[in-house]
Amino acid sequence: MSERILTVDNLRVDLPVPAGTLHAVQGVSFHVDRGETVCIVGESGCGKTLTALAIMDLLPSKAIRQAARLDLAGRSLVGISERQMADIRGAAAAMIFQEPMTSLNPAYTIGNQLEEAMLRHKPGSRRQARERAVYLLERVGITAAASRLKQYPHQLSGGLRQRVMIAMALMCAPSLILADEPTTALDVTIQAQILHLLAELQREFAMGLVLITHDLGVVARIATRVIVMYAGQVVEAGTANAIFSAPAHPYTRGLLACIPVPGRTKRGDPLGTIRGMVPSLVGKRVGCRFAGRCDFASDACTQADVPLESSETQGHDVRCIRHRELPAWMPARQHEVATS
């Protein structure tokens, strides 16, 4: 049996806004085992990033976080002090943010920032911390690593800054890495390199990896399990094979239909679309959050909240009362998407 690294049960995040209360994350539950890659996907504004920030307790000061259970490597993160949480961040769990230029401190050298992470959490000398920093910079593919320690963030390219962020996250060999769209600010070639690097390091260090992204092509290549979020809720969850070969929720099907298929989608061909916009999360809502954009919605979809229930496949859950009535998905097309 795999070692359980992270358990999230009924996580909720509420944010007070002038119009009322914004229910940004609504009852999210999932787990991550050692050596597993869990991808959280969905449109912008669906709650992916806030879920990760809630786990790390990096939410805005006025945000309200609640959870039935939030455990990291057997230790509960619910109700602990800021000092205790600060001891966990960087040591047991680390986060890689979207834009490294705003995450790295421009006033300190790369070496200062890498060494600080280890000196804060691990016993040892500055020399040992420097040696660890050089090793990890080399491990993430940065040449002349020793000389890079004297450089400032603005002296590095976007791709190198992101590699520095990955090295920083690994300084204390954490059990869990949370990567929040780590390739968004990079060009396509560098994106592929960074994702390959993350997957390689995850296997080498046997970490649990939570990757937040909206790129289903990326998910198909590296995910063990997939969590699809919409309007603050998990609408579908399962193995990567189950999600790509037999998507059960209309929203998941809509996302997959938006992906161009190499060799089949020609230049100028229309891609699939999801009509409408994500609904406001301010105030109380009843019924399926996707009903207003769904081609299969009925009156019953709006009359009561929809639970997350098991699909036909074990370990494949879906939040849709009509998922068993939907026409069969086209597995041949999805196989091409998943393996391209």
C-alpha atoms as a PDB file:
ATOM      1  CA  MET A   1       0.000   0.000   0.000  1.00  0.00           C
ATOM      2  CA  SER A   2       1.347   3.442  -0.966  1.00  0.00           C
ATOM      3  CA  GLU A   3       2.203   5.950   1.724  1.00  0.00           C
ATOM      4  CA  ARG A   4      -0.435   8.669   2.020  1.00  0.00           C
ATOM      5  CA  ILE A   5       1.232  12.094   1.845  1.00  0.00           C
ATOM      6  CA  LEU A   6      -1.751  14.450   1.728  1.00  0.00           C
ATOM      7  CA  THR A   7      -5.393  14.056   2.716  1.00  0.00           C
ATOM      8  CA  VAL A   8      -7.889  16.827   1.986  1.00  0.00           C
ATOM      9  CA  ASP A   9     -11.459  16.289   3.177  1.00  0.00           C
ATOM     10  CA  ASN A  10     -14.280  18.803   2.662  1.00  0.00           C
ATOM     11  CA  LEU A  11     -12.020  21.829   2.226  1.00  0.00           C
ATOM     12  CA  ARG A  12     -13.848  25.162   2.055  1.00  0.00           C
ATOM     13  CA  VAL A  13     -12.549  28.681   1.465  1.00  0.00           C
ATOM     14  CA  ASP A  14     -14.788  31.738   1.854  1.00  0.00           C
ATOM     15  CA  LEU A  15     -13.780  35.290   1.037  1.00  0.00           C
ATOM     16  CA  PRO A  16     -15.741  38.331   2.249  1.00  0.00           C
ATOM     17  CA  VAL A  17     -16.392  40.763  -0.620  1.00  0.00           C
ATOM     18  CA  PRO A  18     -18.525  43.937  -0.817  1.00  0.00           C
ATOM     19  CA  ALA A  19     -21.419  41.997  -2.402  1.00  0.00           C
ATOM     20  CA  GLY A  20     -21.410  39.277   0.295  1.00  0.00           C
ATOM     21  CA  THR A  21     -19.389  36.088   0.730  1.00  0.00           C
ATOM     22  CA  LEU A  22     -17.528  34.509  -2.176  1.00  0.00           C
ATOM     23  CA  HIS A  23     -17.535  30.725  -1.756  1.00  0.00           C
ATOM     24  CA  ALA A  24     -14.293  30.116  -3.670  1.00  0.00           C
ATOM     25  CA  VAL A  25     -13.718  26.472  -2.671  1.00  0.00           C
ATOM     26  CA  GLN A  26     -16.729  24.331  -1.793  1.00  0.00           C
ATOM     27  CA  GLY A  27     -16.177  20.940  -0.196  1.00  0.00           C
ATOM     28  CA  VAL A  28     -13.088  19.798  -2.105  1.00  0.00           C
ATOM     29  CA  SER A  29     -11.734  16.349  -1.155  1.00  0.00           C
ATOM     30  CA  PHE A  30      -8.794  14.380  -2.573  1.00  0.00           C
ATOM     31  CA  HIS A  31      -5.593  12.633  -1.540  1.00  0.00           C
ATOM     32  CA  VAL A  32      -2.020  12.276  -2.794  1.00  0.00           C
ATOM     33  CA  ASP A  33       0.217   9.240  -2.266  1.00  0.00           C
ATOM     34  CA  ARG A  34       4.002   9.176  -2.348  1.00  0.00           C
ATOM     35  CA  GLY A  35       5.296   9.081  -5.915  1.00  0.00           C
ATOM     36  CA  GLU A  36       1.913  10.077  -7.339  1.00  0.00           C
ATOM     37  CA  THR A  37       1.130  12.983  -9.660  1.00  0.00           C
ATOM     38  CA  VAL A  38      -2.320  14.474  -9.139  1.00  0.00           C
ATOM     39  CA  CYS A  39      -3.365  17.127 -11.669  1.00  0.00           C
ATOM     40  CA  ILE A  40      -6.063  19.690 -10.836  1.00  0.00           C
ATOM     41  CA  VAL A  41      -7.599  21.161 -13.990  1.00  0.00           C
ATOM     42  CA  GLY A  42     -10.314  23.655 -14.858  1.00  0.00           C
ATOM     43  CA  GLU A  43     -10.945  27.158 -16.158  1.00  0.00           C
ATOM     44  CA  SER A  44      -9.494  30.258 -14.538  1.00  0.00           C
ATOM     45  CA  GLY A  45     -11.471  31.175 -11.442  1.00  0.00           C
ATOM     46  CA  CYS A  46     -12.605  27.635 -10.612  1.00  0.00           C
ATOM     47  CA  GLY A  47     -10.679  27.471  -7.312  1.00  0.00           C
ATOM     48  CA  LYS A  48      -7.541  25.533  -8.289  1.00  0.00           C
ATOM     49  CA  THR A  49      -4.989  28.006  -6.965  1.00  0.00           C
ATOM     50  CA  LEU A  50      -6.967  28.816  -3.816  1.00  0.00           C
ATOM     51  CA  THR A  51      -7.124  25.100  -3.042  1.00  0.00           C
ATOM     52  CA  ALA A  52      -3.314  24.931  -3.119  1.00  0.00           C
ATOM     53  CA  LEU A  53      -2.934  28.160  -1.147  1.00  0.00           C
ATOM     54  CA  ALA A  54      -5.376  26.840   1.458  1.00  0.00           C
ATOM     55  CA  ILE A  55      -3.273  23.698   1.908  1.00  0.00           C
ATOM     56  CA  MET A  56      -0.177  25.848   2.451  1.00  0.00           C
ATOM     57  CA  ASP A  57      -2.140  28.357   4.576  1.00  0.00           C
ATOM     58  CA  LEU A  58      -1.117  31.240   2.313  1.00  0.00           C
ATOM     59  CA  LEU A  59      -4.614  32.658   1.845  1.00  0.00           C
ATOM     60  CA  PRO A  60      -5.448  36.370   2.127  1.00  0.00           C
ATOM     61  CA  SER A  61      -5.787  37.506   5.745  1.00  0.00           C
ATOM     62  CA  LYS A  62      -9.588  37.825   5.582  1.00  0.00           C
ATOM     63  CA  ALA A  63     -10.158  34.439   3.971  1.00  0.00           C
ATOM     64  CA  ILE A  64     -11.869  31.749   6.054  1.00  0.00           C
ATOM     65  CA  ARG A  65     -10.512  28.210   5.670  1.00  0.00           C
ATOM     66  CA  GLN A  66     -12.411  25.197   6.967  1.00  0.00           C
ATOM     67  CA  ALA A  67     -11.797  21.472   6.516  1.00  0.00           C
ATOM     68  CA  ALA A  68     -13.043  18.266   8.072  1.00  0.00           C
ATOM     69  CA  ARG A  69      -9.524  16.945   7.619  1.00  0.00           C
ATOM     70  CA  LEU A  70      -6.313  18.385   6.245  1.00  0.00           C
ATOM     71  CA  ASP A  71      -3.357  16.092   6.926  1.00  0.00           C
ATOM     72  CA  LEU A  72       0.194  16.252   5.612  1.00  0.00           C
ATOM     73  CA  ALA A  73       2.264  13.104   6.167  1.00  0.00           C
ATOM     74  CA  GLY A  74       0.086  12.161   9.133  1.00  0.00           C
ATOM     75  CA  ARG A  75       0.119  15.625  10.735  1.00  0.00           C
ATOM     76  CA  SER A  76      -3.041  17.703  10.890  1.00  0.00           C
ATOM     77  CA  LEU A  77      -2.777  21.223   9.455  1.00  0.00           C
ATOM     78  CA  VAL A  78      -6.133  22.299  10.903  1.00  0.00           C
ATOM     79  CA  GLY A  79      -5.901  24.694  13.826  1.00  0.00           C
ATOM     80  CA  ILE A  80      -2.109  24.886  14.045  1.00  0.00           C
ATOM     81  CA  SER A  81      -0.349  28.190  14.672  1.00  0.00           C
ATOM     82  CA  GLU A  82       1.386  30.313  12.055  1.00  0.00           C
ATOM     83  CA  ARG A  83       4.759  29.474  13.626  1.00  0.00           C
ATOM     84  CA  GLN A  84       4.040  25.743  13.334  1.00  0.00           C
ATOM     85  CA  MET A  85       2.897  26.179   9.726  1.00  0.00           C
ATOM     86  CA  ALA A  86       6.041  28.149   8.921  1.00  0.00           C
ATOM     87  CA  ASP A  87       8.074  25.166  10.109  1.00  0.00           C
ATOM     88  CA  ILE A  88       6.176  22.941   7.654  1.00  0.00           C
ATOM     89  CA  ARG A  89       6.389  25.185   4.573  1.00  0.00           C
ATOM     90  CA  GLY A  90       9.564  24.463   2.667  1.00  0.00           C
ATOM     91  CA  ALA A  91      10.407  21.453   4.834  1.00  0.00           C
ATOM     92  CA  ALA A  92       7.523  18.951   4.512  1.00  0.00           C
ATOM     93  CA  ALA A  93       5.718  20.731   1.675  1.00  0.00           C
ATOM     94  CA  ALA A  94       6.836  23.314  -0.868  1.00  0.00           C
ATOM     95  CA  MET A  95       5.102  25.338  -3.552  1.00  0.00           C
ATOM     96  CA  ILE A  96       6.210  26.408  -7.024  1.00  0.00           C
ATOM     97  CA  PHE A  97       4.347  29.517  -8.155  1.00  0.00           C
ATOM     98  CA  GLN A  98       3.226  30.682 -11.603  1.00  0.00           C
ATOM     99  CA  GLU A  99       5.573  33.621 -12.040  1.00  0.00           C
ATOM    100  CA  PRO A 100       9.065  33.168 -10.558  1.00  0.00           C
ATOM    101  CA  MET A 101      10.026  36.824 -11.090  1.00  0.00           C
ATOM    102  CA  THR A 102       7.438  37.902  -8.521  1.00  0.00           C
ATOM    103  CA  SER A 103       8.206  34.969  -6.204  1.00  0.00           C
ATOM    104  CA  LEU A 104      11.979  35.456  -6.013  1.00  0.00           C
ATOM    105  CA  ASN A 105      13.220  38.432  -4.007  1.00  0.00           C
ATOM    106  CA  PRO A 106      14.937  40.888  -6.396  1.00  0.00           C
ATOM    107  CA  ALA A 107      17.118  42.281  -3.585  1.00  0.00           C
ATOM    108  CA  TYR A 108      18.870  38.999  -2.773  1.00  0.00           C
ATOM    109  CA  THR A 109      21.105  36.747  -4.820  1.00  0.00           C
ATOM    110  CA  ILE A 110      19.966  33.317  -5.968  1.00  0.00           C
ATOM    111  CA  GLY A 111      22.442  31.772  -3.526  1.00  0.00           C
ATOM    112  CA  ASN A 112      21.066  33.720  -0.562  1.00  0.00           C
ATOM    113  CA  GLN A 113      17.531  32.589  -1.291  1.00  0.00           C
ATOM    114  CA  LEU A 114      18.398  28.937  -1.883  1.00  0.00           C
ATOM    115  CA  GLU A 115      20.583  28.671   1.198  1.00  0.00           C
ATOM    116  CA  GLU A 116      18.006  30.377   3.418  1.00  0.00           C
ATOM    117  CA  ALA A 117      15.471  27.621   2.773  1.00  0.00           C
ATOM    118  CA  MET A 118      17.820  24.933   4.098  1.00  0.00           C
ATOM    119  CA  LEU A 119      19.276  26.979   6.953  1.00  0.00           C
ATOM    120  CA  ARG A 120      15.748  27.761   8.164  1.00  0.00           C
ATOM    121  CA  HIS A 121      14.655  24.124   8.418  1.00  0.00           C
ATOM    122  CA  LYS A 122      17.689  21.831   8.583  1.00  0.00           C
ATOM    123  CA  PRO A 123      20.693  21.659  10.931  1.00  0.00           C
ATOM    124  CA  GLY A 124      23.938  22.355   9.145  1.00  0.00           C
ATOM    125  CA  SER A 125      26.396  25.014   8.068  1.00  0.00           C
ATOM    126  CA  ARG A 126      26.130  27.604   5.324  1.00  0.00           C
ATOM    127  CA  ARG A 127      28.767  25.681   3.408  1.00  0.00           C
ATOM    128  CA  GLN A 128      26.575  22.579   3.408  1.00  0.00           C
ATOM    129  CA  ALA A 129      23.620  24.679   2.280  1.00  0.00           C
ATOM    130  CA  ARG A 130      25.711  26.136  -0.551  1.00  0.00           C
ATOM    131  CA  GLU A 131      26.832  22.675  -1.658  1.00  0.00           C
ATOM    132  CA  ARG A 132      23.218  21.508  -1.661  1.00  0.00           C
ATOM    133  CA  ALA A 133      22.209  24.568  -3.697  1.00  0.00           C
ATOM    134  CA  VAL A 134      24.909  23.932  -6.297  1.00  0.00           C
ATOM    135  CA  TYR A 135      23.936  20.258  -6.552  1.00  0.00           C
ATOM    136  CA  LEU A 136      20.266  21.053  -7.078  1.00  0.00           C
ATOM    137  CA  LEU A 137      20.948  23.817  -9.605  1.00  0.00           C
ATOM    138  CA  GLU A 138      22.989  21.336 -11.604  1.00  0.00           C
ATOM    139  CA  ARG A 139      20.275  18.710 -11.130  1.00  0.00           C
ATOM    140  CA  VAL A 140      17.620  21.024 -12.604  1.00  0.00           C
ATOM    141  CA  GLY A 141      19.788  21.672 -15.644  1.00  0.00           C
ATOM    142  CA  ILE A 142      21.489  24.984 -14.850  1.00  0.00           C
ATOM    143  CA  THR A 143      25.079  25.152 -16.097  1.00  0.00           C
ATOM    144  CA  ALA A 144      27.906  26.887 -14.177  1.00  0.00           C
ATOM    145  CA  ALA A 145      25.781  26.472 -11.064  1.00  0.00           C
ATOM    146  CA  ALA A 146      28.368  27.783  -8.590  1.00  0.00           C
ATOM    147  CA  SER A 147      28.659  31.114 -10.409  1.00  0.00           C
ATOM    148  CA  ARG A 148      24.861  31.429 -10.645  1.00  0.00           C
ATOM    149  CA  LEU A 149      24.650  31.688  -6.859  1.00  0.00           C
ATOM    150  CA  LYS A 150      26.021  35.235  -7.079  1.00  0.00           C
ATOM    151  CA  GLN A 151      23.449  36.370  -9.631  1.00  0.00           C
ATOM    152  CA  TYR A 152      20.163  38.190  -8.968  1.00  0.00           C
ATOM    153  CA  PRO A 153      16.781  37.049 -10.361  1.00  0.00           C
ATOM    154  CA  HIS A 154      16.701  39.776 -13.032  1.00  0.00           C
ATOM    155  CA  GLN A 155      19.929  38.413 -14.511  1.00  0.00           C
ATOM    156  CA  LEU A 156      18.286  35.094 -15.397  1.00  0.00           C
ATOM    157  CA  SER A 157      15.818  34.178 -18.136  1.00  0.00           C
ATOM    158  CA  GLY A 158      12.282  33.075 -17.320  1.00  0.00           C
ATOM    159  CA  GLY A 159      13.148  29.427 -17.816  1.00  0.00           C
ATOM    160  CA  LEU A 160      16.204  29.647 -15.546  1.00  0.00           C
ATOM    161  CA  ARG A 161      14.199  31.462 -12.859  1.00  0.00           C
ATOM    162  CA  GLN A 162      11.627  28.687 -12.898  1.00  0.00           C
ATOM    163  CA  ARG A 163      14.394  26.097 -12.563  1.00  0.00           C
ATOM    164  CA  VAL A 164      15.723  28.044  -9.574  1.00  0.00           C
ATOM    165  CA  MET A 165      12.224  27.917  -8.024  1.00  0.00           C
ATOM    166  CA  ILE A 166      12.152  24.141  -8.496  1.00  0.00           C
ATOM    167  CA  ALA A 167      15.609  23.813  -6.910  1.00  0.00           C
ATOM    168  CA  MET A 168      14.468  25.981  -3.993  1.00  0.00           C
ATOM    169  CA  ALA A 169      11.419  23.780  -3.462  1.00  0.00           C
ATOM    170  CA  LEU A 170      13.716  20.719  -3.287  1.00  0.00           C
ATOM    171  CA  MET A 171      16.279  22.166  -0.862  1.00  0.00           C
ATOM    172  CA  CYS A 172      14.792  20.372   2.152  1.00  0.00           C
ATOM    173  CA  ALA A 173      13.580  17.259   0.273  1.00  0.00           C
ATOM    174  CA  PRO A 174       9.854  17.795   0.997  1.00  0.00           C
ATOM    175  CA  SER A 175       7.299  14.991   0.796  1.00  0.00           C
ATOM    176  CA  LEU A 176       4.900  17.130  -1.234  1.00  0.00           C
ATOM    177  CA  ILE A 177       5.312  19.668  -4.047  1.00  0.00           C
ATOM    178  CA  LEU A 178       2.440  21.928  -5.096  1.00  0.00           C
ATOM    179  CA  ALA A 179       3.114  23.369  -8.568  1.00  0.00           C
ATOM    180  CA  ASP A 180       0.687  26.137  -9.535  1.00  0.00           C
ATOM    181  CA  GLU A 181       0.748  26.417 -13.345  1.00  0.00           C
ATOM    182  CA  PRO A 182       4.577  26.493 -13.305  1.00  0.00           C
ATOM    183  CA  THR A 183       4.893  26.873 -17.077  1.00  0.00           C
ATOM    184  CA  THR A 184       2.303  29.588 -17.752  1.00  0.00           C
ATOM    185  CA  ALA A 185       4.838  32.380 -18.245  1.00  0.00           C
ATOM    186  CA  LEU A 186       7.207  30.315 -20.428  1.00  0.00           C
ATOM    187  CA  ASP A 187       7.382  29.620 -24.148  1.00  0.00           C
ATOM    188  CA  VAL A 188       6.305  26.223 -25.479  1.00  0.00           C
ATOM    189  CA  THR A 189       9.808  24.728 -25.769  1.00  0.00           C
ATOM    190  CA  ILE A 190      10.765  25.692 -22.205  1.00  0.00           C
ATOM    191  CA  GLN A 191       7.368  24.483 -20.951  1.00  0.00           C
ATOM    192  CA  ALA A 192       8.100  20.977 -22.195  1.00  0.00           C
ATOM    193  CA  GLN A 193      11.546  21.004 -20.577  1.00  0.00           C
ATOM    194  CA  ILE A 194      10.192  22.156 -17.201  1.00  0.00           C
ATOM    195  CA  LEU A 195       7.401  19.572 -17.188  1.00  0.00           C
ATOM    196  CA  HIS A 196       9.815  16.786 -18.122  1.00  0.00           C
ATOM    197  CA  LEU A 197      12.119  17.967 -15.337  1.00  0.00           C
ATOM    198  CA  LEU A 198       9.310  17.985 -12.756  1.00  0.00           C
ATOM    199  CA  ALA A 199       8.244  14.465 -13.695  1.00  0.00           C
ATOM    200  CA  GLU A 200      11.836  13.226 -13.537  1.00  0.00           C
ATOM    201  CA  LEU A 201      12.539  14.827 -10.157  1.00  0.00           C
ATOM    202  CA  GLN A 202       9.262  13.559  -8.754  1.00  0.00           C
ATOM    203  CA  ARG A 203      10.276   9.996  -9.574  1.00  0.00           C
ATOM    204  CA  GLU A 204      13.836  10.477  -8.303  1.00  0.00           C
ATOM    205  CA  PHE A 205      12.856  11.993  -4.952  1.00  0.00           C
ATOM    206  CA  ALA A 206       9.645   9.904  -4.563  1.00  0.00           C
ATOM    207  CA  MET A 207       7.561  12.974  -3.772  1.00  0.00           C
ATOM    208  CA  GLY A 208       3.867  13.531  -4.082  1.00  0.00           C
ATOM    209  CA  LEU A 209       3.198  16.127  -6.791  1.00  0.00           C
ATOM    210  CA  VAL A 210       0.077  18.245  -7.186  1.00  0.00           C
ATOM    211  CA  LEU A 211       0.162  20.022 -10.544  1.00  0.00           C
ATOM    212  CA  ILE A 212      -2.364  22.781 -11.181  1.00  0.00           C
ATOM    213  CA  THR A 213      -2.906  23.493 -14.855  1.00  0.00           C
ATOM    214  CA  HIS A 214      -5.472  24.209 -17.563  1.00  0.00           C
ATOM    215  CA  ASP A 215      -3.452  22.336 -20.209  1.00  0.00           C
ATOM    216  CA  LEU A 216      -5.034  18.907 -20.692  1.00  0.00           C
ATOM    217  CA  GLY A 217      -2.247  17.905 -23.061  1.00  0.00           C
ATOM    218  CA  VAL A 218       0.179  18.229 -20.147  1.00  0.00           C
ATOM    219  CA  VAL A 219      -2.168  16.282 -17.889  1.00  0.00           C
ATOM    220  CA  ALA A 220      -2.426  13.403 -20.350  1.00  0.00           C
ATOM    221  CA  ARG A 221       1.361  13.001 -20.359  1.00  0.00           C
ATOM    222  CA  ILE A 222       2.199  13.028 -16.650  1.00  0.00           C
ATOM    223  CA  ALA A 223      -0.893  12.583 -14.444  1.00  0.00           C
ATOM    224  CA  THR A 224      -1.583   9.552 -12.293  1.00  0.00           C
ATOM    225  CA  ARG A 225      -4.985  10.905 -11.297  1.00  0.00           C
ATOM    226  CA  VAL A 226      -6.985  13.918 -12.447  1.00  0.00           C
ATOM    227  CA  ILE A 227      -9.297  16.237 -10.520  1.00  0.00           C
ATOM    228  CA  VAL A 228     -11.580  18.459 -12.616  1.00  0.00           C
ATOM    229  CA  MET A 229     -12.820  21.576 -10.806  1.00  0.00           C
ATOM    230  CA  TYR A 230     -15.603  23.925 -11.794  1.00  0.00           C
ATOM    231  CA  ALA A 231     -17.003  26.894  -9.844  1.00  0.00           C
ATOM    232  CA  GLY A 232     -15.205  25.867  -6.659  1.00  0.00           C
ATOM    233  CA  GLN A 233     -16.278  22.214  -6.716  1.00  0.00           C
ATOM    234  CA  VAL A 234     -14.781  18.918  -7.851  1.00  0.00           C
ATOM    235  CA  VAL A 235     -17.049  17.828 -10.722  1.00  0.00           C
ATOM    236  CA  GLU A 236     -15.065  14.752 -11.777  1.00  0.00           C
ATOM    237  CA  ALA A 237     -12.121  12.787 -10.404  1.00  0.00           C
ATOM    238  CA  GLY A 238     -10.426   9.578 -11.424  1.00  0.00           C
ATOM    239  CA  THR A 239      -7.382   8.022 -13.011  1.00  0.00           C
ATOM    240  CA  ALA A 240      -5.954   9.774 -16.041  1.00  0.00           C
ATOM    241  CA  ASN A 241      -7.001   6.837 -18.214  1.00  0.00           C
ATOM    242  CA  ALA A 242     -10.609   6.990 -16.948  1.00  0.00           C
ATOM    243  CA  ILE A 243     -10.890  10.741 -17.444  1.00  0.00           C
ATOM    244  CA  PHE A 244      -9.491  10.721 -20.986  1.00  0.00           C
ATOM    245  CA  SER A 245     -11.087   7.526 -22.241  1.00  0.00           C
ATOM    246  CA  ALA A 246     -14.521   7.854 -20.621  1.00  0.00           C
ATOM    247  CA  PRO A 247     -15.204  11.400 -19.367  1.00  0.00           C
ATOM    248  CA  ALA A 248     -18.518  11.363 -17.515  1.00  0.00           C
ATOM    249  CA  HIS A 249     -19.236  15.033 -16.780  1.00  0.00           C
ATOM    250  CA  PRO A 250     -20.411  17.389 -19.571  1.00  0.00           C
ATOM    251  CA  TYR A 251     -17.861  19.965 -18.426  1.00  0.00           C
ATOM    252  CA  THR A 252     -14.968  17.522 -18.742  1.00  0.00           C
ATOM    253  CA  ARG A 253     -16.225  16.530 -22.188  1.00  0.00           C
ATOM    254  CA  GLY A 254     -16.374  20.194 -23.146  1.00  0.00           C
ATOM    255  CA  LEU A 255     -12.779  20.756 -22.058  1.00  0.00           C
ATOM    256  CA  LEU A 256     -11.567  17.740 -24.033  1.00  0.00           C
ATOM    257  CA  ALA A 257     -13.472  18.866 -27.127  1.00  0.00           C
ATOM    258  CA  CYS A 258     -11.477  22.127 -27.074  1.00  0.00           C
ATOM    259  CA  ILE A 259      -8.175  20.294 -27.652  1.00  0.00           C
ATOM    260  CA  PRO A 260      -6.839  20.179 -31.223  1.00  0.00           C
ATOM    261  CA  VAL A 261      -5.846  16.641 -32.220  1.00  0.00           C
ATOM    262  CA  PRO A 262      -2.488  16.401 -34.035  1.00  0.00           C
ATOM    263  CA  GLY A 263      -2.960  14.811 -37.430  1.00  0.00           C
ATOM    264  CA  ARG A 264      -6.731  15.271 -37.436  1.00  0.00           C
ATOM    265  CA  THR A 265      -7.442  18.916 -36.630  1.00  0.00           C
ATOM    266  CA  LYS A 266      -6.587  20.974 -39.700  1.00  0.00           C
ATOM    267  CA  ARG A 267      -5.675  24.636 -39.762  1.00  0.00           C
ATOM    268  CA  GLY A 268      -8.880  26.654 -39.749  1.00  0.00           C
ATOM    269  CA  ASP A 269     -11.062  23.837 -38.390  1.00  0.00           C
ATOM    270  CA  PRO A 270     -13.371  24.998 -35.580  1.00  0.00           C
ATOM    271  CA  LEU A 271     -12.615  23.649 -32.117  1.00  0.00           C
ATOM    272  CA  GLY A 272     -15.163  22.759 -29.487  1.00  0.00           C
ATOM    273  CA  THR A 273     -16.387  25.521 -27.179  1.00  0.00           C
ATOM    274  CA  ILE A 274     -18.239  25.794 -23.883  1.00  0.00           C
ATOM    275  CA  ARG A 275     -20.890  28.474 -24.141  1.00  0.00           C
ATOM    276  CA  GLY A 276     -21.492  31.045 -21.430  1.00  0.00           C
ATOM    277  CA  MET A 277     -19.345  32.018 -18.459  1.00  0.00           C
ATOM    278  CA  VAL A 278     -18.445  30.642 -15.050  1.00  0.00           C
ATOM    279  CA  PRO A 279     -21.236  31.682 -12.628  1.00  0.00           C
ATOM    280  CA  SER A 280     -20.668  34.068  -9.757  1.00  0.00           C
ATOM    281  CA  LEU A 281     -19.635  32.330  -6.558  1.00  0.00           C
ATOM    282  CA  VAL A 282     -20.981  35.120  -4.338  1.00  0.00           C
ATOM    283  CA  GLY A 283     -23.917  34.077  -2.178  1.00  0.00           C
ATOM    284  CA  LYS A 284     -25.701  30.756  -1.908  1.00  0.00           C
ATOM    285  CA  ARG A 285     -26.442  28.738  -5.035  1.00  0.00           C
ATOM    286  CA  VAL A 286     -28.582  25.615  -5.377  1.00  0.00           C
ATOM    287  CA  GLY A 287     -28.239  22.882  -7.974  1.00  0.00           C
ATOM    288  CA  CYS A 288     -25.537  21.992 -10.464  1.00  0.00           C
ATOM    289  CA  ARG A 289     -23.107  24.884 -10.959  1.00  0.00           C
ATOM    290  CA  PHE A 290     -22.665  23.937 -14.624  1.00  0.00           C
ATOM    291  CA  ALA A 291     -26.383  23.729 -15.459  1.00  0.00           C
ATOM    292  CA  GLY A 292     -26.513  27.159 -17.128  1.00  0.00           C
ATOM    293  CA  ARG A 293     -23.878  26.122 -19.696  1.00  0.00           C
ATOM    294  CA  CYS A 294     -24.786  22.448 -20.086  1.00  0.00           C
ATOM    295  CA  ASP A 295     -26.500  21.079 -23.224  1.00  0.00           C
ATOM    296  CA  PHE A 296     -27.887  18.160 -21.191  1.00  0.00           C
ATOM    297  CA  ALA A 297     -29.319  20.086 -18.223  1.00  0.00           C
ATOM    298  CA  SER A 298     -32.895  19.476 -17.083  1.00  0.00           C
ATOM    299  CA  ASP A 299     -35.089  21.101 -14.435  1.00  0.00           C
ATOM    300  CA  ALA A 300     -33.940  18.517 -11.897  1.00  0.00           C
ATOM    301  CA  CYS A 301     -30.360  19.794 -12.239  1.00  0.00           C
ATOM    302  CA  THR A 302     -31.271  23.132 -10.657  1.00  0.00           C
ATOM    303  CA  GLN A 303     -33.556  21.964  -7.841  1.00  0.00           C
ATOM    304  CA  ALA A 304     -31.021  20.491  -5.399  1.00  0.00           C
ATOM    305  CA  ASP A 305     -27.276  20.310  -4.888  1.00  0.00           C
ATOM    306  CA  VAL A 306     -25.617  17.473  -6.793  1.00  0.00           C
ATOM    307  CA  PRO A 307     -23.388  15.070  -4.829  1.00  0.00           C
ATOM    308  CA  LEU A 308     -20.139  13.568  -6.086  1.00  0.00           C
ATOM    309  CA  GLU A 309     -20.943   9.910  -6.780  1.00  0.00           C
ATOM    310  CA  SER A 310     -19.225   6.893  -8.279  1.00  0.00           C
ATOM    311  CA  SER A 311     -19.323   6.369 -12.024  1.00  0.00           C
ATOM    312  CA  GLU A 312     -19.333   2.957 -13.694  1.00  0.00           C
ATOM    313  CA  THR A 313     -15.575   2.645 -13.128  1.00  0.00           C
ATOM    314  CA  GLN A 314     -14.149   2.108  -9.652  1.00  0.00           C
ATOM    315  CA  GLY A 315     -12.334   5.184  -8.381  1.00  0.00           C
ATOM    316  CA  HIS A 316     -14.005   7.401 -10.995  1.00  0.00           C
ATOM    317  CA  ASP A 317     -16.363   9.952  -9.379  1.00  0.00           C
ATOM    318  CA  VAL A 318     -18.653  12.465 -11.085  1.00  0.00           C
ATOM    319  CA  ARG A 319     -20.969  15.266  -9.933  1.00  0.00           C
ATOM    320  CA  CYS A 320     -23.820  14.899 -12.441  1.00  0.00           C
ATOM    321  CA  ILE A 321     -27.281  13.361 -11.955  1.00  0.00           C
ATOM    322  CA  ARG A 322     -27.581  12.591 -15.686  1.00  0.00           C
ATOM    323  CA  HIS A 323     -24.124  11.173 -16.424  1.00  0.00           C
ATOM    324  CA  ARG A 324     -25.509   7.677 -17.033  1.00  0.00           C
ATOM    325  CA  GLU A 325     -27.927   9.073 -19.642  1.00  0.00           C
ATOM    326  CA  LEU A 326     -25.298  10.861 -21.724  1.00  0.00           C
ATOM    327  CA  PRO A 327     -24.366   9.464 -25.136  1.00  0.00           C
ATOM    328  CA  ALA A 328     -21.223   7.387 -25.276  1.00  0.00           C
ATOM    329  CA  TRP A 329     -17.953   9.282 -25.584  1.00  0.00           C
ATOM    330  CA  MET A 330     -15.687   8.675 -28.569  1.00  0.00           C
ATOM    331  CA  PRO A 331     -12.754   6.751 -27.062  1.00  0.00           C
ATOM    332  CA  ALA A 332     -10.788   6.619 -30.327  1.00  0.00           C
ATOM    333  CA  ARG A 333     -10.537  10.392 -30.503  1.00  0.00           C
ATOM    334  CA  GLN A 334      -9.625  10.674 -26.840  1.00  0.00           C
ATOM    335  CA  HIS A 335      -6.959   8.001 -27.188  1.00  0.00           C
ATOM    336  CA  GLU A 336      -5.318  10.173 -29.803  1.00  0.00           C
ATOM    337  CA  VAL A 337      -5.511  13.193 -27.483  1.00  0.00           C
ATOM    338  CA  ALA A 338      -4.091  11.294 -24.520  1.00  0.00           C
ATOM    339  CA  THR A 339      -1.181   9.795 -26.427  1.00  0.00           C
ATOM    340  CA  SER A 340      -0.264  12.723 -28.677  1.00  0.00           C
END
